[in-house]
């Protein structure tokens, strides 16, 4: 894990679960980032208390207000981060914010489909657009021609539940809107990898595992992993990603997953 060396990273949905785990592990790296931007909807709310506590101990942690379904909020966050970074650019954007609604084919609604898609798919698209200038700046300021997460990268938190080939854990819940949004996020990641490669930006989609979080539900299953195991694994995989891995869909252990 010590192999991941980034000057700056932004994590969305950073007030709980996997997002908070990323912030904690990044701050604990042997060579922690000079800037860790933790984005969440309500930085001063009760659900961000742990983030607030961390920020009081770590001067390199900056909490950024962000609602991923509101373009104005995304633009404001990008401007705020840009002011802090000045000329150095952003090395790593982790699109982690997401939502899950458990509905079946019979009960799924237009409203849920639209809301989940707005959060899980459109949000990462708009964030990639808004932070592209900062990612390009980071890539231009890094030596070498190869791609890596230490140079400039977009990591999208996807899910094996979005695999069209395997339709992971269907027996535990159809979650139609979630599956469709993650399948679409996988395609977005592929598109970003093709469109942003010329700018020196690596793009990859991650399945963090069936993680034990509030969003992951309470079902007991031997394949489930803790936030700590998941995040530690993903950071280790990120440290080894190179240009051959851009546009891929991998899990927290580095295994390539079927689309």
C-alpha atoms as a PDB file:
ATOM      1  CA  UNK A   1       0.000   0.000   0.000  1.00  0.00           C
ATOM      2  CA  UNK A   2       2.958   2.276   0.530  1.00  0.00           C
ATOM      3  CA  UNK A   3       3.384   2.259  -3.250  1.00  0.00           C
ATOM      4  CA  UNK A   4       0.538   4.724  -3.754  1.00  0.00           C
ATOM      5  CA  UNK A   5       2.038   8.176  -3.595  1.00  0.00           C
ATOM      6  CA  UNK A   6      -0.288  11.016  -4.489  1.00  0.00           C
ATOM      7  CA  UNK A   7      -0.016  14.710  -3.809  1.00  0.00           C
ATOM      8  CA  UNK A   8      -3.789  15.160  -3.762  1.00  0.00           C
ATOM      9  CA  UNK A   9      -6.942  13.043  -3.745  1.00  0.00           C
ATOM     10  CA  UNK A  10     -10.670  13.751  -3.607  1.00  0.00           C
ATOM     11  CA  UNK A  11     -13.160  11.192  -2.280  1.00  0.00           C
ATOM     12  CA  UNK A  12     -16.909  11.666  -2.710  1.00  0.00           C
ATOM     13  CA  UNK A  13     -19.412  10.254  -0.214  1.00  0.00           C
ATOM     14  CA  UNK A  14     -16.633  10.522   2.347  1.00  0.00           C
ATOM     15  CA  UNK A  15     -18.638  10.852   5.554  1.00  0.00           C
ATOM     16  CA  UNK A  16     -19.355   7.137   6.066  1.00  0.00           C
ATOM     17  CA  UNK A  17     -18.741   3.591   4.875  1.00  0.00           C
ATOM     18  CA  UNK A  18     -16.196   3.018   2.134  1.00  0.00           C
ATOM     19  CA  UNK A  19     -15.655   6.751   1.555  1.00  0.00           C
ATOM     20  CA  UNK A  20     -14.734   7.380   5.186  1.00  0.00           C
ATOM     21  CA  UNK A  21     -12.534   4.276   5.074  1.00  0.00           C
ATOM     22  CA  UNK A  22     -10.632   5.727   2.121  1.00  0.00           C
ATOM     23  CA  UNK A  23     -10.053   8.996   3.984  1.00  0.00           C
ATOM     24  CA  UNK A  24      -8.809   7.193   7.104  1.00  0.00           C
ATOM     25  CA  UNK A  25      -6.440   4.919   5.166  1.00  0.00           C
ATOM     26  CA  UNK A  26      -5.100   7.725   2.965  1.00  0.00           C
ATOM     27  CA  UNK A  27      -4.290   9.799   6.048  1.00  0.00           C
ATOM     28  CA  UNK A  28      -2.542   6.750   7.537  1.00  0.00           C
ATOM     29  CA  UNK A  29      -0.284   6.027   4.564  1.00  0.00           C
ATOM     30  CA  UNK A  30       3.497   6.084   5.164  1.00  0.00           C
ATOM     31  CA  UNK A  31       3.573   8.989   2.708  1.00  0.00           C
ATOM     32  CA  UNK A  32       0.111  10.558   3.074  1.00  0.00           C
ATOM     33  CA  UNK A  33      -1.186  12.974   0.423  1.00  0.00           C
ATOM     34  CA  UNK A  34      -0.480  16.651   0.952  1.00  0.00           C
ATOM     35  CA  UNK A  35      -4.184  17.200   0.353  1.00  0.00           C
ATOM     36  CA  UNK A  36      -7.096  14.855   1.088  1.00  0.00           C
ATOM     37  CA  UNK A  37     -10.414  16.363   0.033  1.00  0.00           C
ATOM     38  CA  UNK A  38     -13.369  14.626   1.665  1.00  0.00           C
ATOM     39  CA  UNK A  39     -16.610  15.518  -0.092  1.00  0.00           C
ATOM     40  CA  UNK A  40     -20.073  14.964   1.377  1.00  0.00           C
ATOM     41  CA  UNK A  41     -23.533  16.508   1.283  1.00  0.00           C
ATOM     42  CA  UNK A  42     -23.631  17.973   4.781  1.00  0.00           C
ATOM     43  CA  UNK A  43     -20.140  18.576   6.211  1.00  0.00           C
ATOM     44  CA  UNK A  44     -21.530  20.052   9.436  1.00  0.00           C
ATOM     45  CA  UNK A  45     -24.226  17.437  10.018  1.00  0.00           C
ATOM     46  CA  UNK A  46     -24.303  14.542  12.481  1.00  0.00           C
ATOM     47  CA  UNK A  47     -23.367  11.984   9.805  1.00  0.00           C
ATOM     48  CA  UNK A  48     -20.117  13.854   9.181  1.00  0.00           C
ATOM     49  CA  UNK A  49     -19.025  13.871  12.838  1.00  0.00           C
ATOM     50  CA  UNK A  50     -16.197  11.365  12.305  1.00  0.00           C
ATOM     51  CA  UNK A  51     -14.923  13.408   9.368  1.00  0.00           C
ATOM     52  CA  UNK A  52     -15.000  16.557  11.485  1.00  0.00           C
ATOM     53  CA  UNK A  53     -13.016  14.792  14.213  1.00  0.00           C
ATOM     54  CA  UNK A  54     -10.416  13.655  11.665  1.00  0.00           C
ATOM     55  CA  UNK A  55     -10.146  17.147  10.175  1.00  0.00           C
ATOM     56  CA  UNK A  56      -9.398  18.601  13.610  1.00  0.00           C
ATOM     57  CA  UNK A  57      -6.370  16.275  13.850  1.00  0.00           C
ATOM     58  CA  UNK A  58      -5.136  16.353  10.260  1.00  0.00           C
ATOM     59  CA  UNK A  59      -4.410  19.746   8.673  1.00  0.00           C
ATOM     60  CA  UNK A  60      -4.093  18.071   5.242  1.00  0.00           C
ATOM     61  CA  UNK A  61      -7.764  16.966   5.369  1.00  0.00           C
ATOM     62  CA  UNK A  62     -10.264  19.396   3.858  1.00  0.00           C
ATOM     63  CA  UNK A  63     -14.009  18.702   4.011  1.00  0.00           C
ATOM     64  CA  UNK A  64     -15.800  19.863   0.857  1.00  0.00           C
ATOM     65  CA  UNK A  65     -19.576  20.304   0.564  1.00  0.00           C
ATOM     66  CA  UNK A  66     -20.847  18.362  -2.454  1.00  0.00           C
ATOM     67  CA  UNK A  67     -24.201  17.146  -3.742  1.00  0.00           C
ATOM     68  CA  UNK A  68     -23.342  14.922  -6.707  1.00  0.00           C
ATOM     69  CA  UNK A  69     -26.767  15.333  -8.328  1.00  0.00           C
ATOM     70  CA  UNK A  70     -26.464  19.140  -8.511  1.00  0.00           C
ATOM     71  CA  UNK A  71     -24.199  20.544 -11.260  1.00  0.00           C
ATOM     72  CA  UNK A  72     -23.812  23.881  -9.437  1.00  0.00           C
ATOM     73  CA  UNK A  73     -22.551  22.071  -6.319  1.00  0.00           C
ATOM     74  CA  UNK A  74     -20.067  20.062  -8.393  1.00  0.00           C
ATOM     75  CA  UNK A  75     -18.715  23.205 -10.074  1.00  0.00           C
ATOM     76  CA  UNK A  76     -18.399  24.966  -6.712  1.00  0.00           C
ATOM     77  CA  UNK A  77     -16.493  21.989  -5.272  1.00  0.00           C
ATOM     78  CA  UNK A  78     -14.104  21.937  -8.242  1.00  0.00           C
ATOM     79  CA  UNK A  79     -13.466  25.669  -7.850  1.00  0.00           C
ATOM     80  CA  UNK A  80     -12.852  25.300  -4.115  1.00  0.00           C
ATOM     81  CA  UNK A  81     -10.416  22.408  -4.604  1.00  0.00           C
ATOM     82  CA  UNK A  82      -8.666  24.282  -7.418  1.00  0.00           C
ATOM     83  CA  UNK A  83      -8.054  27.273  -5.152  1.00  0.00           C
ATOM     84  CA  UNK A  84      -6.352  25.049  -2.579  1.00  0.00           C
ATOM     85  CA  UNK A  85      -4.236  23.172  -5.117  1.00  0.00           C
ATOM     86  CA  UNK A  86      -3.186  26.278  -7.028  1.00  0.00           C
ATOM     87  CA  UNK A  87      -0.826  25.027  -9.785  1.00  0.00           C
ATOM     88  CA  UNK A  88      -0.368  21.402  -8.723  1.00  0.00           C
ATOM     89  CA  UNK A  89      -3.573  19.795 -10.019  1.00  0.00           C
ATOM     90  CA  UNK A  90      -5.524  16.817  -8.644  1.00  0.00           C
ATOM     91  CA  UNK A  91      -3.933  13.354  -8.856  1.00  0.00           C
ATOM     92  CA  UNK A  92      -6.794  11.111  -7.880  1.00  0.00           C
ATOM     93  CA  UNK A  93     -10.588  11.443  -8.068  1.00  0.00           C
ATOM     94  CA  UNK A  94     -12.466   8.616  -6.317  1.00  0.00           C
ATOM     95  CA  UNK A  95     -16.143   8.679  -7.286  1.00  0.00           C
ATOM     96  CA  UNK A  96     -17.496   6.769  -4.311  1.00  0.00           C
ATOM     97  CA  UNK A  97     -20.828   8.484  -3.544  1.00  0.00           C
ATOM     98  CA  UNK A  98     -23.719   6.208  -4.402  1.00  0.00           C
ATOM     99  CA  UNK A  99     -27.189   5.066  -3.459  1.00  0.00           C
ATOM    100  CA  UNK A 100     -29.045   1.786  -3.411  1.00  0.00           C
ATOM    101  CA  UNK A 101     -32.800   1.174  -3.531  1.00  0.00           C
ATOM    102  CA  UNK A 102     -34.083  -2.368  -3.114  1.00  0.00           C
ATOM    103  CA  UNK A 103     -36.884  -2.753  -5.657  1.00  0.00           C
ATOM    104  CA  UNK A 104     -37.887  -5.675  -7.868  1.00  0.00           C
ATOM    105  CA  UNK A 105     -38.879  -5.712 -11.514  1.00  0.00           C
ATOM    106  CA  UNK A 106     -42.500  -5.472 -10.373  1.00  0.00           C
ATOM    107  CA  UNK A 107     -42.020  -2.640  -7.888  1.00  0.00           C
ATOM    108  CA  UNK A 108     -39.306  -0.497  -9.515  1.00  0.00           C
ATOM    109  CA  UNK A 109     -40.447   3.060 -10.216  1.00  0.00           C
ATOM    110  CA  UNK A 110     -39.512   5.812 -12.624  1.00  0.00           C
ATOM    111  CA  UNK A 111     -38.619   8.078  -9.707  1.00  0.00           C
ATOM    112  CA  UNK A 112     -36.212   5.568  -8.150  1.00  0.00           C
ATOM    113  CA  UNK A 113     -34.605   4.748 -11.496  1.00  0.00           C
ATOM    114  CA  UNK A 114     -34.034   8.438 -12.206  1.00  0.00           C
ATOM    115  CA  UNK A 115     -32.702   9.261  -8.732  1.00  0.00           C
ATOM    116  CA  UNK A 116     -30.334   6.294  -8.535  1.00  0.00           C
ATOM    117  CA  UNK A 117     -29.050   6.899 -12.071  1.00  0.00           C
ATOM    118  CA  UNK A 118     -28.521  10.606 -11.284  1.00  0.00           C
ATOM    119  CA  UNK A 119     -26.401   9.716  -8.247  1.00  0.00           C
ATOM    120  CA  UNK A 120     -24.525   6.619  -9.429  1.00  0.00           C
ATOM    121  CA  UNK A 121     -23.937   7.413 -13.112  1.00  0.00           C
ATOM    122  CA  UNK A 122     -24.560  11.041 -14.006  1.00  0.00           C
ATOM    123  CA  UNK A 123     -22.735  12.258 -10.882  1.00  0.00           C
ATOM    124  CA  UNK A 124     -19.424  10.570 -11.829  1.00  0.00           C
ATOM    125  CA  UNK A 125     -19.799  11.871 -15.398  1.00  0.00           C
ATOM    126  CA  UNK A 126     -20.214  15.479 -14.229  1.00  0.00           C
ATOM    127  CA  UNK A 127     -17.441  15.146 -11.645  1.00  0.00           C
ATOM    128  CA  UNK A 128     -15.081  13.872 -14.327  1.00  0.00           C
ATOM    129  CA  UNK A 129     -15.937  16.871 -16.492  1.00  0.00           C
ATOM    130  CA  UNK A 130     -15.588  19.401 -13.670  1.00  0.00           C
ATOM    131  CA  UNK A 131     -12.286  18.063 -12.359  1.00  0.00           C
ATOM    132  CA  UNK A 132     -10.764  17.334 -15.768  1.00  0.00           C
ATOM    133  CA  UNK A 133      -8.734  20.589 -15.850  1.00  0.00           C
ATOM    134  CA  UNK A 134      -7.196  19.745 -12.444  1.00  0.00           C
ATOM    135  CA  UNK A 135      -6.525  16.129 -13.435  1.00  0.00           C
ATOM    136  CA  UNK A 136      -4.887  17.283 -16.683  1.00  0.00           C
ATOM    137  CA  UNK A 137      -2.739  19.716 -14.732  1.00  0.00           C
ATOM    138  CA  UNK A 138      -1.581  16.921 -12.423  1.00  0.00           C
ATOM    139  CA  UNK A 139      -0.791  14.660 -15.384  1.00  0.00           C
ATOM    140  CA  UNK A 140       1.195  17.401 -17.111  1.00  0.00           C
ATOM    141  CA  UNK A 141       3.185  17.996 -13.939  1.00  0.00           C
ATOM    142  CA  UNK A 142       4.159  14.336 -13.531  1.00  0.00           C
ATOM    143  CA  UNK A 143       7.254  12.876 -15.152  1.00  0.00           C
ATOM    144  CA  UNK A 144       7.040   9.931 -17.543  1.00  0.00           C
ATOM    145  CA  UNK A 145       4.613   8.984 -20.281  1.00  0.00           C
ATOM    146  CA  UNK A 146       2.823   6.053 -18.593  1.00  0.00           C
ATOM    147  CA  UNK A 147      -0.495   6.136 -16.730  1.00  0.00           C
ATOM    148  CA  UNK A 148      -0.864   5.586 -12.993  1.00  0.00           C
ATOM    149  CA  UNK A 149      -2.977   6.574  -9.999  1.00  0.00           C
ATOM    150  CA  UNK A 150      -0.003   8.525  -8.651  1.00  0.00           C
ATOM    151  CA  UNK A 151      -0.029  10.639 -11.816  1.00  0.00           C
ATOM    152  CA  UNK A 152      -3.712  11.291 -12.592  1.00  0.00           C
ATOM    153  CA  UNK A 153      -6.686   8.940 -12.328  1.00  0.00           C
ATOM    154  CA  UNK A 154     -10.436   8.613 -12.000  1.00  0.00           C
ATOM    155  CA  UNK A 155     -11.553   5.620  -9.948  1.00  0.00           C
ATOM    156  CA  UNK A 156     -15.280   4.869 -10.107  1.00  0.00           C
ATOM    157  CA  UNK A 157     -16.791   2.755  -7.326  1.00  0.00           C
ATOM    158  CA  UNK A 158     -18.905   0.328  -9.278  1.00  0.00           C
ATOM    159  CA  UNK A 159     -20.296  -3.040  -8.211  1.00  0.00           C
ATOM    160  CA  UNK A 160     -20.175  -6.630  -9.377  1.00  0.00           C
ATOM    161  CA  UNK A 161     -23.984  -6.343  -9.164  1.00  0.00           C
ATOM    162  CA  UNK A 162     -23.686  -4.346 -12.395  1.00  0.00           C
ATOM    163  CA  UNK A 163     -22.042  -7.208 -14.280  1.00  0.00           C
ATOM    164  CA  UNK A 164     -24.364  -8.116 -17.156  1.00  0.00           C
ATOM    165  CA  UNK A 165     -22.622 -11.456 -17.604  1.00  0.00           C
ATOM    166  CA  UNK A 166     -22.736 -12.648 -13.992  1.00  0.00           C
ATOM    167  CA  UNK A 167     -25.573 -10.616 -12.369  1.00  0.00           C
ATOM    168  CA  UNK A 168     -23.886 -11.054  -8.983  1.00  0.00           C
ATOM    169  CA  UNK A 169     -26.026 -11.982  -5.913  1.00  0.00           C
ATOM    170  CA  UNK A 170     -29.349 -11.800  -7.791  1.00  0.00           C
ATOM    171  CA  UNK A 171     -30.813 -14.220  -5.249  1.00  0.00           C
ATOM    172  CA  UNK A 172     -30.259 -11.671  -2.462  1.00  0.00           C
ATOM    173  CA  UNK A 173     -32.078  -8.815  -4.167  1.00  0.00           C
ATOM    174  CA  UNK A 174     -32.983  -7.664  -7.636  1.00  0.00           C
ATOM    175  CA  UNK A 175     -32.199  -3.963  -6.906  1.00  0.00           C
ATOM    176  CA  UNK A 176     -32.973  -3.117 -10.523  1.00  0.00           C
ATOM    177  CA  UNK A 177     -32.121   0.595 -10.485  1.00  0.00           C
ATOM    178  CA  UNK A 178     -28.815  -0.044  -8.691  1.00  0.00           C
ATOM    179  CA  UNK A 179     -27.733  -2.803 -11.098  1.00  0.00           C
ATOM    180  CA  UNK A 180     -28.644  -0.727 -14.159  1.00  0.00           C
ATOM    181  CA  UNK A 181     -26.853   2.350 -12.820  1.00  0.00           C
ATOM    182  CA  UNK A 182     -23.659   0.398 -12.116  1.00  0.00           C
ATOM    183  CA  UNK A 183     -23.712  -1.297 -15.538  1.00  0.00           C
ATOM    184  CA  UNK A 184     -23.990   2.206 -17.012  1.00  0.00           C
ATOM    185  CA  UNK A 185     -21.171   3.426 -14.755  1.00  0.00           C
ATOM    186  CA  UNK A 186     -18.971   0.653 -16.130  1.00  0.00           C
ATOM    187  CA  UNK A 187     -19.622   1.881 -19.670  1.00  0.00           C
ATOM    188  CA  UNK A 188     -18.945   5.472 -18.562  1.00  0.00           C
ATOM    189  CA  UNK A 189     -15.598   4.314 -17.110  1.00  0.00           C
ATOM    190  CA  UNK A 190     -14.696   2.692 -20.427  1.00  0.00           C
ATOM    191  CA  UNK A 191     -15.643   5.885 -22.284  1.00  0.00           C
ATOM    192  CA  UNK A 192     -13.636   8.038 -19.872  1.00  0.00           C
ATOM    193  CA  UNK A 193     -10.619   5.760 -20.310  1.00  0.00           C
ATOM    194  CA  UNK A 194     -10.765   6.282 -24.077  1.00  0.00           C
ATOM    195  CA  UNK A 195     -11.497  10.001 -23.966  1.00  0.00           C
ATOM    196  CA  UNK A 196      -9.050  10.968 -21.217  1.00  0.00           C
ATOM    197  CA  UNK A 197      -6.120   8.713 -22.129  1.00  0.00           C
ATOM    198  CA  UNK A 198      -4.612  11.406 -24.349  1.00  0.00           C
ATOM    199  CA  UNK A 199      -4.525  13.699 -21.322  1.00  0.00           C
ATOM    200  CA  UNK A 200      -2.528  11.159 -19.292  1.00  0.00           C
ATOM    201  CA  UNK A 201      -5.453  10.142 -17.072  1.00  0.00           C
ATOM    202  CA  UNK A 202      -6.055   6.526 -16.030  1.00  0.00           C
ATOM    203  CA  UNK A 203      -9.685   5.443 -15.499  1.00  0.00           C
ATOM    204  CA  UNK A 204     -10.891   2.237 -13.833  1.00  0.00           C
ATOM    205  CA  UNK A 205     -14.033   0.806 -12.239  1.00  0.00           C
ATOM    206  CA  UNK A 206     -13.797  -1.030  -8.910  1.00  0.00           C
ATOM    207  CA  UNK A 207     -15.989  -3.581  -7.179  1.00  0.00           C
ATOM    208  CA  UNK A 208     -15.139  -3.007  -3.507  1.00  0.00           C
ATOM    209  CA  UNK A 209     -16.563  -6.348  -2.467  1.00  0.00           C
ATOM    210  CA  UNK A 210     -19.855  -6.961  -0.702  1.00  0.00           C
ATOM    211  CA  UNK A 211     -18.817  -4.632   2.079  1.00  0.00           C
ATOM    212  CA  UNK A 212     -20.326  -4.547   5.560  1.00  0.00           C
ATOM    213  CA  UNK A 213     -21.783  -1.018   5.556  1.00  0.00           C
ATOM    214  CA  UNK A 214     -25.159   0.629   6.135  1.00  0.00           C
ATOM    215  CA  UNK A 215     -25.800   0.610   2.387  1.00  0.00           C
ATOM    216  CA  UNK A 216     -24.683  -2.998   2.030  1.00  0.00           C
ATOM    217  CA  UNK A 217     -27.511  -4.227   4.253  1.00  0.00           C
ATOM    218  CA  UNK A 218     -27.545  -6.757   7.085  1.00  0.00           C
ATOM    219  CA  UNK A 219     -27.526 -10.052   5.157  1.00  0.00           C
ATOM    220  CA  UNK A 220     -24.883 -12.420   6.544  1.00  0.00           C
ATOM    221  CA  UNK A 221     -22.733 -14.085   3.915  1.00  0.00           C
ATOM    222  CA  UNK A 222     -19.242 -15.564   4.141  1.00  0.00           C
ATOM    223  CA  UNK A 223     -18.113 -13.563   1.095  1.00  0.00           C
ATOM    224  CA  UNK A 224     -18.720 -10.218   2.825  1.00  0.00           C
ATOM    225  CA  UNK A 225     -15.718  -8.070   3.742  1.00  0.00           C
ATOM    226  CA  UNK A 226     -15.089  -5.234   6.161  1.00  0.00           C
ATOM    227  CA  UNK A 227     -14.485  -1.651   5.090  1.00  0.00           C
ATOM    228  CA  UNK A 228     -10.909  -1.972   6.343  1.00  0.00           C
ATOM    229  CA  UNK A 229     -10.153  -5.064   4.229  1.00  0.00           C
ATOM    230  CA  UNK A 230     -11.860  -3.605   1.161  1.00  0.00           C
ATOM    231  CA  UNK A 231     -10.182  -0.191   1.257  1.00  0.00           C
ATOM    232  CA  UNK A 232      -6.755  -1.570   2.130  1.00  0.00           C
ATOM    233  CA  UNK A 233      -7.041  -3.953  -0.818  1.00  0.00           C
ATOM    234  CA  UNK A 234      -8.243  -1.296  -3.260  1.00  0.00           C
ATOM    235  CA  UNK A 235      -5.442   1.096  -2.354  1.00  0.00           C
ATOM    236  CA  UNK A 236      -2.927  -1.693  -2.885  1.00  0.00           C
ATOM    237  CA  UNK A 237      -4.432  -2.450  -6.313  1.00  0.00           C
ATOM    238  CA  UNK A 238      -4.495   1.264  -7.215  1.00  0.00           C
ATOM    239  CA  UNK A 239      -0.785   1.513  -6.437  1.00  0.00           C
ATOM    240  CA  UNK A 240      -0.047  -1.104  -9.107  1.00  0.00           C
ATOM    241  CA  UNK A 241      -2.392   0.056 -11.902  1.00  0.00           C
ATOM    242  CA  UNK A 242      -0.705   1.131 -15.135  1.00  0.00           C
ATOM    243  CA  UNK A 243      -1.753   2.079 -18.660  1.00  0.00           C
ATOM    244  CA  UNK A 244      -2.583  -1.555 -19.489  1.00  0.00           C
ATOM    245  CA  UNK A 245      -5.264  -1.386 -16.789  1.00  0.00           C
ATOM    246  CA  UNK A 246      -7.073   1.759 -17.899  1.00  0.00           C
ATOM    247  CA  UNK A 247     -10.684   1.035 -18.805  1.00  0.00           C
ATOM    248  CA  UNK A 248     -10.830  -2.177 -16.762  1.00  0.00           C
ATOM    249  CA  UNK A 249     -13.289  -3.438 -14.135  1.00  0.00           C
ATOM    250  CA  UNK A 250     -11.506  -4.981 -11.142  1.00  0.00           C
ATOM    251  CA  UNK A 251     -12.290  -5.979  -7.571  1.00  0.00           C
ATOM    252  CA  UNK A 252     -10.577  -5.044  -4.297  1.00  0.00           C
ATOM    253  CA  UNK A 253      -8.080  -7.872  -4.792  1.00  0.00           C
ATOM    254  CA  UNK A 254      -7.166  -6.854  -8.354  1.00  0.00           C
ATOM    255  CA  UNK A 255      -9.154  -9.598 -10.093  1.00  0.00           C
ATOM    256  CA  UNK A 256     -10.569  -8.543 -13.469  1.00  0.00           C
ATOM    257  CA  UNK A 257     -14.368  -8.937 -13.496  1.00  0.00           C
ATOM    258  CA  UNK A 258     -16.657  -9.702 -16.452  1.00  0.00           C
ATOM    259  CA  UNK A 259     -18.691  -6.849 -17.887  1.00  0.00           C
END
